[in-house]
Amino acid sequence: MSLVTYWNFRLCQFPFKPFWRIVFSRRVHRKPSKFKNEFAYRNNFKKAFENVNEDSSNRIISSDVVLGQKRKKNKNKVLEDHCENNRVDSNRLRKSTSLEYRGELLFGVHPVYLALLKNKRKFNQLFVTDNKIEENNSECVSHRTEIIKMARSLKIDIKNVISKDLRYLVPGAVHQLGVCLDAEHIQLLEWKETESEVAPSEFPVWLVLEDILDPMNVGAIIRSAYYFGVKNIFTVRGNSCKMSPTVSKASSGALEIMDIYQIENLEYFIKVMISQNWKIVSTKAYNDNGTECDKLVNVLDFKLREPTILVLGNEGRGVSPIIQELCNTFISIYPSHTLHKGIDSLNVSVATGVILHCLFKSWKNLLE
């Protein structure tokens, strides 16, 4: 043992700290300080652990106790902040979507415009957003201006809203000009037996919708019927699609113009029309087989010579057998090639457009 080490050892035994101990034994002086800090560190953990109101049996004292409490505290704070933010957002959403309406909401520029123009409904209020429309789109500007002008002339309450409100009121809808009309349900007309005459200049075809349930199909059929000049459309009470705002939108507003009748008994209606010299024609898929095959005619070969009722059946089942027995002729759209099973027919709205076009052409040829 060297002399310096020996003196360092002896000096450490003294209860006091002389000057030379501080000078000559720095390395030895650090060790007790290090050990002291380490014991103090453990004591702090022990105290923190004892302050927790939990059972300390079978627990290991470690730094995870204090760190876990800190993480838990931070986590609770984050959760509180998240809940507070959600509460603010929900209140904000509730505040922005606290609009009420009494009827049904018409959306789309053409349904709203034509509904106000024809004035066949009872109107409650008009929702208008403050979105700016491009000045170069003069048609949109004129439509929006005309809608607001007609609403004011009809003394309809106009409410300025934000786009978020319209998305809440009519989710998934396309609001072209930021207008939405709160209106009562459209009233269907009641058919009378005496209302069966057709003017010489009118297209002598009326449509009957039997059990067509898809509003998009119904809207497209109404639009095609209006395009080709069909005057009247008939639906059966209880087994047809409701004339909803979706139908009006799919028809591009033609629902607001067309005369839609509602009948109670389709069989009775057809019998009355037969007695008044109307011809009953029903659509039929090309691949159908049955006893009426001798009545099946290609739509291109059909000649329209007299007033005709065109019956359109359900998207899947077609025209009911009872109505088929009352039909004079079945028309079908023949395909140009052999079709695969499952796609061997047309959508009912597409088929209606093709058939009406062929009938209209036949009627024009007859007039010439």
Protein backbone atom coordinates (compact mmCIF):
# COMPACT_ATOMS: atom_id res chain seq x y z
CA MET A 1 0.00 0.00 0.00
CA SER A 2 1.35 3.32 -0.99
CA LEU A 3 1.77 6.16 1.42
CA VAL A 4 -0.94 8.30 -0.23
CA THR A 5 -3.49 5.53 -0.09
CA TYR A 6 -2.68 4.83 3.56
CA TRP A 7 -3.12 8.45 4.55
CA ASN A 8 -6.35 8.70 2.60
CA PHE A 9 -7.69 5.70 4.48
CA ARG A 10 -6.70 7.07 7.85
CA LEU A 11 -8.07 10.49 7.16
CA CYS A 12 -11.46 9.05 6.23
CA GLN A 13 -11.82 7.65 9.76
CA PHE A 14 -11.79 11.11 11.36
CA PRO A 15 -15.19 12.49 12.40
CA PHE A 16 -14.21 15.94 11.12
CA LYS A 17 -13.26 17.12 7.65
CA PRO A 18 -9.88 18.82 7.68
CA PHE A 19 -8.60 20.85 4.83
CA TRP A 20 -6.14 18.27 3.58
CA ARG A 21 -8.93 15.65 3.36
CA ILE A 22 -10.80 17.78 0.91
CA VAL A 23 -7.63 18.40 -1.07
CA PHE A 24 -6.08 14.91 -1.22
CA SER A 25 -9.07 12.54 -1.22
CA ARG A 26 -11.55 13.76 -3.83
CA ARG A 27 -12.12 10.31 -5.28
CA VAL A 28 -12.91 8.76 -1.93
CA HIS A 29 -15.07 11.75 -1.05
CA ARG A 30 -17.29 11.21 -4.08
CA LYS A 31 -18.19 7.63 -3.24
CA PRO A 32 -20.09 8.34 -0.01
CA SER A 33 -21.89 11.19 -1.78
CA LYS A 34 -22.86 8.85 -4.59
CA PHE A 35 -24.08 6.17 -2.20
CA LYS A 36 -25.98 8.74 -0.20
CA ASN A 37 -27.81 10.04 -3.27
CA GLU A 38 -28.68 6.51 -4.32
CA PHE A 39 -30.17 5.67 -0.94
CA ALA A 40 -32.10 8.93 -0.98
CA TYR A 41 -33.42 8.05 -4.43
CA ARG A 42 -34.73 4.72 -3.17
CA ASN A 43 -36.25 6.32 -0.08
CA ASN A 44 -38.14 8.75 -2.26
CA PHE A 45 -39.60 5.86 -4.24
CA LYS A 46 -40.50 4.06 -1.04
CA LYS A 47 -42.28 7.09 0.34
CA ALA A 48 -44.12 7.60 -2.92
CA PHE A 49 -45.12 3.97 -2.91
CA GLU A 50 -46.36 4.07 0.69
CA ASN A 51 -48.52 7.10 -0.08
CA VAL A 52 -50.54 5.11 -2.59
CA ASN A 53 -53.77 3.75 -1.04
CA GLU A 54 -53.23 0.24 -2.27
CA ASP A 55 -52.13 -3.04 -0.80
CA SER A 56 -48.32 -3.16 -0.95
CA SER A 57 -48.06 -6.89 -0.40
CA ASN A 58 -46.26 -8.85 -3.10
CA ARG A 59 -45.25 -5.62 -4.79
CA ILE A 60 -41.79 -4.63 -5.95
CA ILE A 61 -40.63 -1.15 -5.21
CA SER A 62 -39.34 0.36 -8.40
CA SER A 63 -39.35 3.54 -10.39
CA ASP A 64 -42.37 2.26 -12.40
CA VAL A 65 -44.63 3.16 -9.47
CA VAL A 66 -43.98 6.87 -9.68
CA LEU A 67 -43.68 6.89 -13.45
CA GLY A 68 -46.92 4.92 -13.77
CA GLN A 69 -48.74 7.44 -11.62
CA LYS A 70 -47.39 10.22 -13.77
CA ARG A 71 -48.44 8.50 -16.97
CA LYS A 72 -51.88 7.80 -15.53
CA LYS A 73 -52.25 11.44 -14.57
CA ASN A 74 -51.22 12.57 -18.03
CA LYS A 75 -53.55 10.03 -19.62
CA ASN A 76 -56.47 11.23 -17.54
CA LYS A 77 -55.69 14.78 -18.54
CA VAL A 78 -55.63 13.80 -22.21
CA LEU A 79 -58.96 12.01 -21.84
CA GLU A 80 -60.48 15.01 -20.10
CA ASP A 81 -59.24 17.30 -22.86
CA HIS A 82 -60.58 14.91 -25.52
CA CYS A 83 -63.99 14.75 -23.85
CA GLU A 84 -64.05 18.51 -23.53
CA ASN A 85 -63.19 18.92 -27.21
CA ASN A 86 -65.87 16.42 -28.18
CA ARG A 87 -68.35 18.25 -26.01
CA VAL A 88 -67.50 21.50 -27.74
CA ASP A 89 -67.73 19.89 -31.19
CA SER A 90 -71.04 18.23 -30.39
CA ASN A 91 -72.44 21.48 -29.07
CA ARG A 92 -71.21 23.25 -32.16
CA LEU A 93 -72.74 20.56 -34.39
CA ARG A 94 -76.00 20.69 -32.49
CA LYS A 95 -76.02 24.43 -32.77
CA SER A 96 -75.40 24.36 -36.52
CA THR A 97 -77.93 21.60 -37.21
CA SER A 98 -80.80 22.76 -35.02
CA LEU A 99 -83.00 23.41 -38.04
CA GLU A 100 -86.50 22.05 -38.12
CA TYR A 101 -88.78 21.33 -41.03
CA ARG A 102 -92.41 20.28 -41.17
CA GLY A 103 -92.85 18.60 -44.55
CA GLU A 104 -90.32 16.96 -46.87
CA LEU A 105 -87.17 18.52 -48.26
CA LEU A 106 -86.90 19.05 -52.01
CA PHE A 107 -83.31 19.36 -53.19
CA GLY A 108 -81.79 20.11 -56.56
CA VAL A 109 -82.18 23.24 -58.62
CA HIS A 110 -84.78 21.91 -61.06
CA PRO A 111 -87.12 20.24 -58.53
CA VAL A 112 -87.10 23.35 -56.35
CA TYR A 113 -87.53 25.72 -59.27
CA LEU A 114 -90.36 23.74 -60.91
CA ALA A 115 -92.11 23.15 -57.59
CA LEU A 116 -92.24 26.90 -56.98
CA LEU A 117 -93.20 27.58 -60.58
CA LYS A 118 -96.15 25.14 -60.68
CA ASN A 119 -97.20 25.81 -57.08
CA LYS A 120 -98.88 22.42 -56.66
CA ARG A 121 -97.62 21.95 -53.11
CA LYS A 122 -97.89 23.81 -49.84
CA PHE A 123 -94.55 25.43 -48.99
CA ASN A 124 -93.17 26.01 -45.51
CA GLN A 125 -89.70 27.52 -45.86
CA LEU A 126 -86.72 27.82 -48.16
CA PHE A 127 -83.16 27.13 -46.99
CA VAL A 128 -80.49 29.07 -48.88
CA THR A 129 -76.74 28.98 -48.32
CA ASP A 130 -74.48 31.97 -48.63
CA ASN A 131 -72.13 30.17 -51.02
CA LYS A 132 -70.80 32.37 -53.77
CA ILE A 133 -71.50 31.20 -57.31
CA GLU A 134 -69.05 31.89 -60.09
CA GLU A 135 -70.11 34.90 -62.07
CA ASN A 136 -69.32 33.20 -65.40
CA ASN A 137 -72.01 30.60 -64.65
CA SER A 138 -74.88 32.87 -65.64
CA GLU A 139 -77.44 30.04 -65.78
CA CYS A 140 -76.85 29.08 -62.14
CA VAL A 141 -76.99 32.71 -61.04
CA SER A 142 -80.28 33.26 -62.87
CA HIS A 143 -81.83 30.08 -61.46
CA ARG A 144 -80.85 30.96 -57.91
CA THR A 145 -82.10 34.52 -58.31
CA GLU A 146 -85.38 33.31 -59.78
CA ILE A 147 -85.91 30.79 -56.97
CA ILE A 148 -85.43 33.44 -54.31
CA LYS A 149 -87.65 35.85 -56.21
CA MET A 150 -90.49 33.30 -56.52
CA ALA A 151 -90.16 32.37 -52.85
CA ARG A 152 -90.57 35.99 -51.85
CA SER A 153 -93.56 36.45 -54.14
CA LEU A 154 -95.19 33.38 -52.58
CA LYS A 155 -94.39 34.76 -49.10
CA ILE A 156 -92.25 31.79 -48.17
CA ASP A 157 -89.95 32.17 -45.19
CA ILE A 158 -86.32 32.24 -46.40
CA LYS A 159 -83.59 31.10 -44.02
CA ASN A 160 -79.90 31.64 -44.65
CA VAL A 161 -77.88 28.59 -43.60
CA ILE A 162 -74.43 27.12 -44.14
CA SER A 163 -73.54 24.18 -46.35
CA LYS A 164 -73.12 21.97 -43.31
CA ASP A 165 -76.78 22.45 -42.46
CA LEU A 166 -77.92 21.21 -45.87
CA ARG A 167 -75.63 18.19 -45.64
CA TYR A 168 -77.24 17.40 -42.29
CA LEU A 169 -80.81 17.89 -43.49
CA VAL A 170 -80.42 15.89 -46.71
CA PRO A 171 -77.34 13.64 -46.30
CA GLY A 172 -75.78 12.39 -49.51
CA ALA A 173 -77.65 14.83 -51.72
CA VAL A 174 -76.00 17.14 -54.22
CA HIS A 175 -76.94 20.77 -53.53
CA GLN A 176 -76.07 22.46 -56.79
CA LEU A 177 -77.05 25.99 -55.87
CA GLY A 178 -77.32 25.63 -52.13
CA VAL A 179 -81.12 25.63 -52.01
CA CYS A 180 -83.45 23.26 -50.21
CA LEU A 181 -87.23 23.62 -50.05
CA ASP A 182 -89.36 22.50 -47.13
CA ALA A 183 -92.69 21.54 -48.73
CA GLU A 184 -95.65 19.31 -48.04
CA HIS A 185 -96.09 16.00 -49.83
CA ILE A 186 -97.31 16.26 -53.37
CA GLN A 187 -100.99 15.41 -53.72
CA LEU A 188 -101.73 12.70 -56.29
CA LEU A 189 -104.82 13.13 -58.41
CA GLU A 190 -107.89 10.94 -58.11
CA TRP A 191 -108.91 9.32 -61.37
CA LYS A 192 -112.49 9.52 -62.62
CA GLU A 193 -113.96 7.22 -65.26
CA THR A 194 -115.01 10.15 -67.40
CA GLU A 195 -111.43 11.40 -67.72
CA SER A 196 -110.35 9.09 -70.51
CA GLU A 197 -110.44 11.24 -73.63
CA VAL A 198 -107.34 12.11 -75.61
CA ALA A 199 -107.03 15.17 -77.79
CA PRO A 200 -106.07 14.53 -81.44
CA SER A 201 -102.80 16.38 -81.00
CA GLU A 202 -101.78 14.47 -77.87
CA PHE A 203 -99.52 11.45 -77.78
CA PRO A 204 -102.14 8.70 -77.16
CA VAL A 205 -100.16 6.69 -74.58
CA TRP A 206 -100.70 6.58 -70.84
CA LEU A 207 -98.46 4.78 -68.39
CA VAL A 208 -99.41 2.49 -65.51
CA LEU A 209 -96.75 1.68 -62.90
CA GLU A 210 -97.47 -1.61 -61.18
CA ASP A 211 -95.38 -2.38 -58.13
CA ILE A 212 -92.28 -0.42 -59.21
CA LEU A 213 -90.50 0.29 -55.95
CA ASP A 214 -87.17 1.90 -56.82
CA PRO A 215 -87.51 5.72 -56.59
CA MET A 216 -84.68 6.21 -59.07
CA ASN A 217 -86.50 4.06 -61.63
CA VAL A 218 -89.78 5.86 -61.01
CA GLY A 219 -88.11 9.25 -61.38
CA ALA A 220 -86.40 8.23 -64.63
CA ILE A 221 -89.69 6.87 -66.03
CA ILE A 222 -91.50 10.12 -65.21
CA ARG A 223 -88.75 12.11 -66.89
CA SER A 224 -88.91 9.98 -70.06
CA ALA A 225 -92.70 10.20 -70.09
CA TYR A 226 -92.57 13.97 -69.90
CA TYR A 227 -89.93 14.11 -72.62
CA PHE A 228 -92.08 12.16 -75.13
CA GLY A 229 -95.33 13.91 -74.24
CA VAL A 230 -97.15 11.32 -72.13
CA LYS A 231 -99.98 13.19 -70.46
CA ASN A 232 -100.97 10.93 -67.54
CA ILE A 233 -99.22 8.41 -65.30
CA PHE A 234 -101.11 6.05 -62.99
CA THR A 235 -99.91 4.34 -59.83
CA VAL A 236 -101.68 1.83 -57.61
CA ARG A 237 -102.29 2.80 -54.01
CA GLY A 238 -100.27 0.67 -51.60
CA ASN A 239 -97.99 -1.18 -54.02
CA SER A 240 -96.02 1.59 -55.69
CA CYS A 241 -93.13 3.80 -54.80
CA LYS A 242 -93.91 6.92 -52.81
CA MET A 243 -93.51 10.16 -54.76
CA SER A 244 -90.66 11.40 -52.60
CA PRO A 245 -88.05 14.15 -53.09
CA THR A 246 -85.71 11.44 -54.41
CA VAL A 247 -88.22 10.71 -57.17
CA SER A 248 -88.49 14.41 -57.93
CA LYS A 249 -84.72 14.72 -58.11
CA ALA A 250 -84.38 11.63 -60.34
CA SER A 251 -87.05 13.06 -62.64
CA SER A 252 -85.17 16.38 -62.76
CA GLY A 253 -88.33 18.07 -61.51
CA ALA A 254 -90.73 16.44 -63.99
CA LEU A 255 -92.71 15.10 -61.03
CA GLU A 256 -93.73 18.67 -60.25
CA ILE A 257 -95.18 19.09 -63.76
CA MET A 258 -96.70 15.72 -64.67
CA ASP A 259 -100.22 14.65 -63.75
CA ILE A 260 -99.80 11.61 -61.49
CA TYR A 261 -102.99 9.71 -60.70
CA GLN A 262 -103.58 7.20 -57.95
CA ILE A 263 -106.03 4.33 -58.46
CA GLU A 264 -107.39 1.85 -55.97
CA ASN A 265 -107.86 -1.24 -58.11
CA LEU A 266 -105.74 -1.76 -61.20
CA GLU A 267 -107.85 -4.62 -62.54
CA TYR A 268 -111.00 -2.54 -62.40
CA PHE A 269 -109.22 0.42 -64.00
CA ILE A 270 -108.06 -1.68 -66.96
CA LYS A 271 -111.49 -3.17 -67.50
CA VAL A 272 -113.00 0.31 -67.60
CA MET A 273 -110.39 1.48 -70.11
CA ILE A 274 -111.05 -1.58 -72.30
CA SER A 275 -114.73 -0.71 -72.31
CA GLN A 276 -113.78 2.76 -73.55
CA ASN A 277 -111.86 1.34 -76.53
CA TRP A 278 -108.38 1.63 -75.09
CA LYS A 279 -105.77 -0.94 -76.05
CA ILE A 280 -103.87 -2.55 -73.15
CA VAL A 281 -100.21 -3.26 -73.84
CA SER A 282 -97.80 -4.77 -71.37
CA THR A 283 -94.05 -5.04 -71.39
CA LYS A 284 -92.48 -8.48 -71.34
CA ALA A 285 -88.90 -9.71 -71.22
CA TYR A 286 -87.69 -11.32 -74.42
CA ASN A 287 -86.65 -14.59 -72.77
CA ASP A 288 -89.95 -15.16 -70.96
CA ASN A 289 -91.96 -18.25 -71.94
CA GLY A 290 -95.70 -18.70 -71.47
CA THR A 291 -99.08 -19.00 -73.11
CA GLU A 292 -98.99 -15.39 -74.27
CA CYS A 293 -96.05 -15.92 -76.64
CA ASP A 294 -98.35 -15.58 -79.63
CA LYS A 295 -99.09 -12.01 -78.47
CA LEU A 296 -95.44 -11.05 -78.10
CA VAL A 297 -94.37 -8.38 -80.60
CA ASN A 298 -91.08 -6.68 -81.20
CA VAL A 299 -91.38 -3.02 -80.24
CA LEU A 300 -89.97 -2.05 -83.65
CA ASP A 301 -92.86 -3.83 -85.37
CA PHE A 302 -95.62 -2.45 -83.14
CA LYS A 303 -97.99 0.04 -84.82
CA LEU A 304 -99.68 2.60 -82.63
CA ARG A 305 -103.14 3.21 -84.14
CA GLU A 306 -105.37 3.78 -81.11
CA PRO A 307 -105.16 5.11 -77.56
CA THR A 308 -102.98 2.74 -75.56
CA ILE A 309 -102.33 1.97 -71.92
CA LEU A 310 -98.74 0.82 -71.37
CA VAL A 311 -98.38 -1.29 -68.21
CA LEU A 312 -94.92 -1.45 -66.61
CA GLY A 313 -94.30 -4.20 -64.09
CA ASN A 314 -92.09 -4.81 -61.10
CA GLU A 315 -88.30 -4.73 -61.53
CA GLY A 316 -88.01 -8.45 -60.80
CA ARG A 317 -91.40 -10.13 -61.22
CA GLY A 318 -92.74 -8.05 -64.08
CA VAL A 319 -96.45 -7.56 -64.66
CA SER A 320 -98.71 -9.65 -62.44
CA PRO A 321 -100.50 -12.63 -64.07
CA ILE A 322 -103.95 -11.15 -63.40
CA ILE A 323 -103.11 -8.04 -65.40
CA GLN A 324 -101.44 -10.07 -68.15
CA GLU A 325 -104.72 -11.87 -68.80
CA LEU A 326 -106.35 -8.50 -69.57
CA CYS A 327 -103.62 -7.34 -71.98
CA ASN A 328 -104.14 -7.34 -75.75
CA THR A 329 -100.48 -7.32 -76.71
CA PHE A 330 -97.05 -7.80 -75.18
CA ILE A 331 -94.16 -5.80 -76.52
CA SER A 332 -90.51 -6.56 -75.97
CA ILE A 333 -87.14 -5.13 -76.94
CA TYR A 334 -85.31 -7.78 -78.90
CA PRO A 335 -81.55 -8.01 -78.28
CA SER A 336 -78.99 -7.96 -81.07
CA HIS A 337 -77.21 -11.14 -79.91
CA THR A 338 -77.43 -14.03 -77.47
CA LEU A 339 -77.30 -12.76 -73.90
CA HIS A 340 -75.84 -14.26 -70.74
CA LYS A 341 -78.22 -15.27 -67.99
CA GLY A 342 -78.66 -12.52 -65.43
CA ILE A 343 -78.09 -9.66 -67.87
CA ASP A 344 -80.66 -10.72 -70.45
CA SER A 345 -83.05 -7.81 -69.85
CA LEU A 346 -83.02 -4.04 -69.54
CA ASN A 347 -83.64 -1.86 -66.55
CA VAL A 348 -87.31 -0.89 -66.38
CA SER A 349 -86.60 2.83 -66.76
CA VAL A 350 -84.26 2.26 -69.70
CA ALA A 351 -86.76 -0.09 -71.35
CA THR A 352 -89.50 2.52 -70.87
CA GLY A 353 -87.43 5.16 -72.64
CA VAL A 354 -86.74 2.86 -75.61
CA ILE A 355 -90.38 1.75 -75.89
CA LEU A 356 -91.74 5.28 -75.68
CA HIS A 357 -89.35 6.39 -78.37
CA CYS A 358 -90.54 3.60 -80.70
CA LEU A 359 -94.21 4.31 -79.96
CA PHE A 360 -93.72 8.01 -80.51
CA LYS A 361 -92.06 7.33 -83.85
CA SER A 362 -94.90 5.01 -84.86
CA TRP A 363 -97.47 7.66 -83.92
CA LYS A 364 -95.65 10.32 -85.95
CA ASN A 365 -95.57 8.02 -88.97
CA LEU A 366 -99.29 7.46 -88.60
CA LEU A 367 -99.97 11.20 -88.60
CA GLU A 368 -97.97 11.65 -91.77
